[in-house]
C-alpha atoms as a PDB file:
ATOM      1  CA  MET A   1      96.653 134.496  81.051  1.00  0.00           C
ATOM      2  CA  GLY A   2      97.968 133.592  84.328  1.00  0.00           C
ATOM      3  CA  THR A   3      99.462 135.336  87.265  1.00  0.00           C
ATOM      4  CA  PRO A   4     102.938 136.039  88.175  1.00  0.00           C
ATOM      5  CA  ALA A   5     103.040 133.258  90.705  1.00  0.00           C
ATOM      6  CA  ASN A   6     102.280 130.879  88.218  1.00  0.00           C
ATOM      7  CA  SER A   7     104.099 132.280  84.971  1.00  0.00           C
ATOM      8  CA  GLN A   8     107.294 130.291  85.610  1.00  0.00           C
ATOM      9  CA  GLN A   9     105.184 127.416  84.527  1.00  0.00           C
ATOM     10  CA  LEU A  10     103.335 129.197  81.532  1.00  0.00           C
ATOM     11  CA  LYS A  11     107.136 129.912  80.514  1.00  0.00           C
ATOM     12  CA  ALA A  12     108.507 126.517  80.830  1.00  0.00           C
ATOM     13  CA  ASN A  13     105.920 124.859  79.628  1.00  0.00           C
ATOM     14  CA  SER A  14     105.957 127.076  76.572  1.00  0.00           C
ATOM     15  CA  GLN A  15     109.701 126.378  75.941  1.00  0.00           C
ATOM     16  CA  SER A  16     109.047 122.690  76.853  1.00  0.00           C
ATOM     17  CA  LEU A  17     106.740 122.636  74.104  1.00  0.00           C
ATOM     18  CA  SER A  18     109.232 124.562  71.421  1.00  0.00           C
ATOM     19  CA  LYS A  19     111.379 121.534  72.141  1.00  0.00           C
ATOM     20  CA  TRP A  20     109.058 118.909  71.939  1.00  0.00           C
ATOM     21  CA  ASN A  21     108.302 120.251  68.407  1.00  0.00           C
ATOM     22  CA  GLU A  22     111.767 119.898  67.771  1.00  0.00           C
ATOM     23  CA  LEU A  23     112.592 116.982  68.198  1.00  0.00           C
ATOM     24  CA  LYS A  24     109.220 115.573  66.333  1.00  0.00           C
ATOM     25  CA  LYS A  25     110.906 117.125  63.586  1.00  0.00           C
ATOM     26  CA  THR A  26     113.844 114.816  63.859  1.00  0.00           C
ATOM     27  CA  HIS A  27     112.579 111.991  64.986  1.00  0.00           C
ATOM     28  CA  GLY A  28     108.907 112.101  63.640  1.00  0.00           C
ATOM     29  CA  ASN A  29     105.681 111.873  65.065  1.00  0.00           C
ATOM     30  CA  SER A  30     105.380 108.262  66.275  1.00  0.00           C
ATOM     31  CA  TYR A  31     105.886 107.304  69.460  1.00  0.00           C
ATOM     32  CA  ILE A  32     104.366 105.421  72.549  1.00  0.00           C
ATOM     33  CA  TYR A  33     104.321 106.882  76.133  1.00  0.00           C
ATOM     34  CA  GLN A  34     102.694 106.119  79.110  1.00  0.00           C
ATOM     35  CA  THR A  35     101.128 107.495  82.406  1.00  0.00           C
ATOM     36  CA  THR A  36     100.534 105.664  85.316  1.00  0.00           C
ATOM     37  CA  PHE A  37      98.023 107.073  88.778  1.00  0.00           C
ATOM     38  CA  THR A  38      98.672 104.762  92.141  1.00  0.00           C
ATOM     39  CA  SER A  39      96.696 105.610  95.262  1.00  0.00           C
ATOM     40  CA  PHE A  40      97.405 105.356  98.527  1.00  0.00           C
ATOM     41  CA  THR A  41      95.549 102.436  98.911  1.00  0.00           C
ATOM     42  CA  GLY A  42      97.435 100.577  96.870  1.00  0.00           C
ATOM     43  CA  VAL A  43      95.183 100.576  94.109  1.00  0.00           C
ATOM     44  CA  GLY A  44      96.136 102.406  90.233  1.00  0.00           C
ATOM     45  CA  GLY A  45      96.359 101.866  86.512  1.00  0.00           C
ATOM     46  CA  THR A  46      98.764 102.283  83.892  1.00  0.00           C
ATOM     47  CA  THR A  47      97.827 103.573  80.154  1.00  0.00           C
ATOM     48  CA  GLU A  48      99.987 103.165  77.076  1.00  0.00           C
ATOM     49  CA  ILE A  49      98.937 105.446  74.739  1.00  0.00           C
ATOM     50  CA  LYS A  50     100.540 104.332  70.587  1.00  0.00           C
ATOM     51  CA  VAL A  51     100.810 107.165  68.469  1.00  0.00           C
ATOM     52  CA  GLU A  52     101.541 107.050  64.458  1.00  0.00           C
ATOM     53  CA  ASN A  53     102.412 110.083  62.559  1.00  0.00           C
ATOM     54  CA  GLY A  54     100.334 112.624  64.419  1.00  0.00           C
ATOM     55  CA  THR A  55      97.281 110.182  65.237  1.00  0.00           C
ATOM     56  CA  VAL A  56      96.373 108.029  68.463  1.00  0.00           C
ATOM     57  CA  ARG A  57      96.001 104.612  67.476  1.00  0.00           C
ATOM     58  CA  ALA A  58      95.687 102.436  70.419  1.00  0.00           C
ATOM     59  CA  ARG A  59      95.491 102.834  73.561  1.00  0.00           C
ATOM     60  CA  ILE A  60      96.101  99.899  76.136  1.00  0.00           C
ATOM     61  CA  TYR A  61      95.430 100.010  80.066  1.00  0.00           C
ATOM     62  CA  GLN A  62      96.026  97.607  82.753  1.00  0.00           C
ATOM     63  CA  GLU A  63      94.366  98.684  86.238  1.00  0.00           C
ATOM     64  CA  PHE A  64      96.097  96.577  89.447  1.00  0.00           C
ATOM     65  CA  LYS A  65      96.374  96.170  93.328  1.00  0.00           C
ATOM     66  CA  ILE A  66      99.893  96.349  94.949  1.00  0.00           C
ATOM     67  CA  ASN A  67     100.324  93.324  97.504  1.00  0.00           C
ATOM     68  CA  GLN A  68     100.984  95.199 101.150  1.00  0.00           C
ATOM     69  CA  ASN A  69     102.804  92.344 101.670  1.00  0.00           C
ATOM     70  CA  ASN A  70     105.470  91.758  99.054  1.00  0.00           C
ATOM     71  CA  GLY A  71     104.505  94.835  96.479  1.00  0.00           C
ATOM     72  CA  ALA A  72     103.876  92.766  93.713  1.00  0.00           C
ATOM     73  CA  LYS A  73     101.158  94.402  91.144  1.00  0.00           C
ATOM     74  CA  GLN A  74      98.468  92.178  90.351  1.00  0.00           C
ATOM     75  CA  VAL A  75      96.676  93.083  87.084  1.00  0.00           C
ATOM     76  CA  VAL A  76      92.838  92.701  87.884  1.00  0.00           C
ATOM     77  CA  PHE A  77      91.457  95.037  84.529  1.00  0.00           C
ATOM     78  CA  ALA A  78      92.790  95.588  81.309  1.00  0.00           C
ATOM     79  CA  TYR A  79      91.555  96.514  77.659  1.00  0.00           C
ATOM     80  CA  THR A  80      93.460  97.181  74.734  1.00  0.00           C
ATOM     81  CA  GLU A  81      91.139 100.009  72.033  1.00  0.00           C
ATOM     82  CA  THR A  82      92.248 100.639  68.459  1.00  0.00           C
ATOM     83  CA  GLY A  83      90.592 102.320  65.555  1.00  0.00           C
ATOM     84  CA  GLU A  84      87.081 103.112  66.378  1.00  0.00           C
ATOM     85  CA  ASP A  85      86.940 101.400  69.592  1.00  0.00           C
ATOM     86  CA  LEU A  86      89.446 104.531  70.616  1.00  0.00           C
ATOM     87  CA  GLY A  87      87.961 106.402  73.900  1.00  0.00           C
ATOM     88  CA  LEU A  88      84.928 103.222  74.830  1.00  0.00           C
ATOM     89  CA  ASN A  89      86.463 102.745  77.832  1.00  0.00           C
ATOM     90  CA  ARG A  90      86.173 104.968  81.053  1.00  0.00           C
ATOM     91  CA  LYS A  91      88.864 103.585  83.082  1.00  0.00           C
ATOM     92  CA  GLY A  92      92.371 104.873  81.914  1.00  0.00           C
ATOM     93  CA  ALA A  93      93.987 108.330  80.571  1.00  0.00           C
ATOM     94  CA  PRO A  94      92.427 109.898  77.778  1.00  0.00           C
ATOM     95  CA  ALA A  95      94.186 108.833  73.921  1.00  0.00           C
ATOM     96  CA  LEU A  96      95.763 112.090  73.403  1.00  0.00           C
ATOM     97  CA  THR A  97      98.983 113.194  71.253  1.00  0.00           C
ATOM     98  CA  ILE A  98     101.584 114.532  73.453  1.00  0.00           C
ATOM     99  CA  ASP A  99     100.471 117.916  71.773  1.00  0.00           C
ATOM    100  CA  GLU A 100      96.984 117.447  72.990  1.00  0.00           C
ATOM    101  CA  LEU A 101      99.037 117.015  76.479  1.00  0.00           C
ATOM    102  CA  TYR A 102     100.796 120.548  76.080  1.00  0.00           C
ATOM    103  CA  GLN A 103      97.354 122.127  74.857  1.00  0.00           C
ATOM    104  CA  SER A 104      95.840 120.244  78.024  1.00  0.00           C
ATOM    105  CA  CYS A 105      98.278 121.763  80.020  1.00  0.00           C
ATOM    106  CA  ALA A 106      98.578 125.103  79.249  1.00  0.00           C
ATOM    107  CA  ASN A 107      94.760 125.194  79.489  1.00  0.00           C
ATOM    108  CA  ASN A 108      93.845 123.370  82.132  1.00  0.00           C
ATOM    109  CA  TYR A 109      96.447 122.647  85.223  1.00  0.00           C
ATOM    110  CA  ILE A 110      98.860 125.427  85.004  1.00  0.00           C
ATOM    111  CA  THR A 111      96.788 128.561  85.040  1.00  0.00           C
ATOM    112  CA  VAL A 112      94.752 127.229  87.849  1.00  0.00           C
ATOM    113  CA  ASP A 113      94.891 130.337  91.501  1.00  0.00           C
ATOM    114  CA  PRO A 114      98.438 129.991  92.835  1.00  0.00           C
ATOM    115  CA  GLU A 115      96.789 131.054  95.988  1.00  0.00           C
ATOM    116  CA  LYS A 116      94.900 127.779  96.219  1.00  0.00           C
ATOM    117  CA  ASN A 117      97.444 125.588  94.437  1.00  0.00           C
ATOM    118  CA  ALA A 118     100.471 124.073  94.499  1.00  0.00           C
ATOM    119  CA  ILE A 119     101.412 124.271  90.690  1.00  0.00           C
ATOM    120  CA  ILE A 120     103.885 121.659  89.001  1.00  0.00           C
ATOM    121  CA  PHE A 121     106.087 121.499  85.984  1.00  0.00           C
ATOM    122  CA  GLN A 122     108.441 119.418  85.103  1.00  0.00           C
ATOM    123  CA  THR A 123     110.466 117.993  82.547  1.00  0.00           C
ATOM    124  CA  SER A 124     113.031 115.067  81.198  1.00  0.00           C
ATOM    125  CA  GLU A 125     116.490 115.723  80.794  1.00  0.00           C
ATOM    126  CA  GLU A 126     115.645 116.475  77.286  1.00  0.00           C
ATOM    127  CA  GLY A 127     113.064 119.363  78.080  1.00  0.00           C
ATOM    128  CA  LEU A 128     110.328 117.201  77.530  1.00  0.00           C
ATOM    129  CA  MET A 129     107.109 117.767  79.688  1.00  0.00           C
ATOM    130  CA  THR A 130     106.974 114.674  82.450  1.00  0.00           C
ATOM    131  CA  VAL A 131     104.649 116.683  85.204  1.00  0.00           C
ATOM    132  CA  CYS A 132     101.781 118.986  84.262  1.00  0.00           C
ATOM    133  CA  GLY A 133      99.414 119.831  87.090  1.00  0.00           C
ATOM    134  CA  PHE A 134      98.611 120.899  90.719  1.00  0.00           C
ATOM    135  CA  TYR A 135      97.596 119.999  94.127  1.00  0.00           C
ATOM    136  CA  PRO A 136      94.854 121.716  96.045  1.00  0.00           C
ATOM    137  CA  ASP A 137      96.447 123.805  99.134  1.00  0.00           C
ATOM    138  CA  GLY A 138      95.412 121.287 101.812  1.00  0.00           C
ATOM    139  CA  CYS A 139      94.434 118.296 100.505  1.00  0.00           C
ATOM    140  CA  MET A 140      96.040 115.130 102.031  1.00  0.00           C
ATOM    141  CA  ASN A 141      95.463 112.054  99.523  1.00  0.00           C
ATOM    142  CA  ASP A 142      95.591 111.203  95.727  1.00  0.00           C
ATOM    143  CA  CYS A 143      94.755 115.380  95.438  1.00  0.00           C
ATOM    144  CA  PHE A 144      97.105 115.513  91.986  1.00  0.00           C
ATOM    145  CA  ASN A 145      95.069 117.509  89.016  1.00  0.00           C
ATOM    146  CA  GLY A 146      97.037 117.148  86.171  1.00  0.00           C
ATOM    147  CA  LEU A 147      99.128 114.292  83.632  1.00  0.00           C
ATOM    148  CA  ARG A 148     102.189 112.593  84.102  1.00  0.00           C
ATOM    149  CA  ILE A 149     104.300 110.874  81.602  1.00  0.00           C
ATOM    150  CA  ASP A 150     106.183 108.362  83.250  1.00  0.00           C
ATOM    151  CA  SER A 151     107.945 106.790  80.086  1.00  0.00           C
ATOM    152  CA  PHE A 152     108.295 107.669  76.553  1.00  0.00           C
ATOM    153  CA  ARG A 153     109.508 106.238  73.320  1.00  0.00           C
ATOM    154  CA  TRP A 154     109.709 107.089  69.980  1.00  0.00           C
ATOM    155  CA  GLY A 155     108.164 104.564  67.336  1.00  0.00           C
ATOM    156  CA  LYS A 156     108.782 103.929  63.861  1.00  0.00           C
END
């Protein structure tokens, strides 16, 4: 599982996952996180995932354009999914728990060939994963494959 070049990221993922499991015991398994994608072209989207007791309860998405003159975001499409509607829309990040994001990170992103990709794994000051993914060597625009957690807060 992994080559020596990406063993550092695999170890960091494992350490961060341990920290996540510790914090879940302290704070509970209810939280909200956001992830945002912004293209070099000025379009993007933000997805907010709400998790209660370890189960995704809501996914809220906003697609936006960035005004090239003043940098303001203009929402051009939005939805909220709950219950049986979760996952109906194609746009936005998938409705996954943080535990599922750690699994996806380990299985899909930090195990790619380090000879052909720049592999990235970053954590917050608390040690929680914030970025897991890779950029194919030589790619110039919108090449990141992976996940980002832009904001996180514990729920009730």
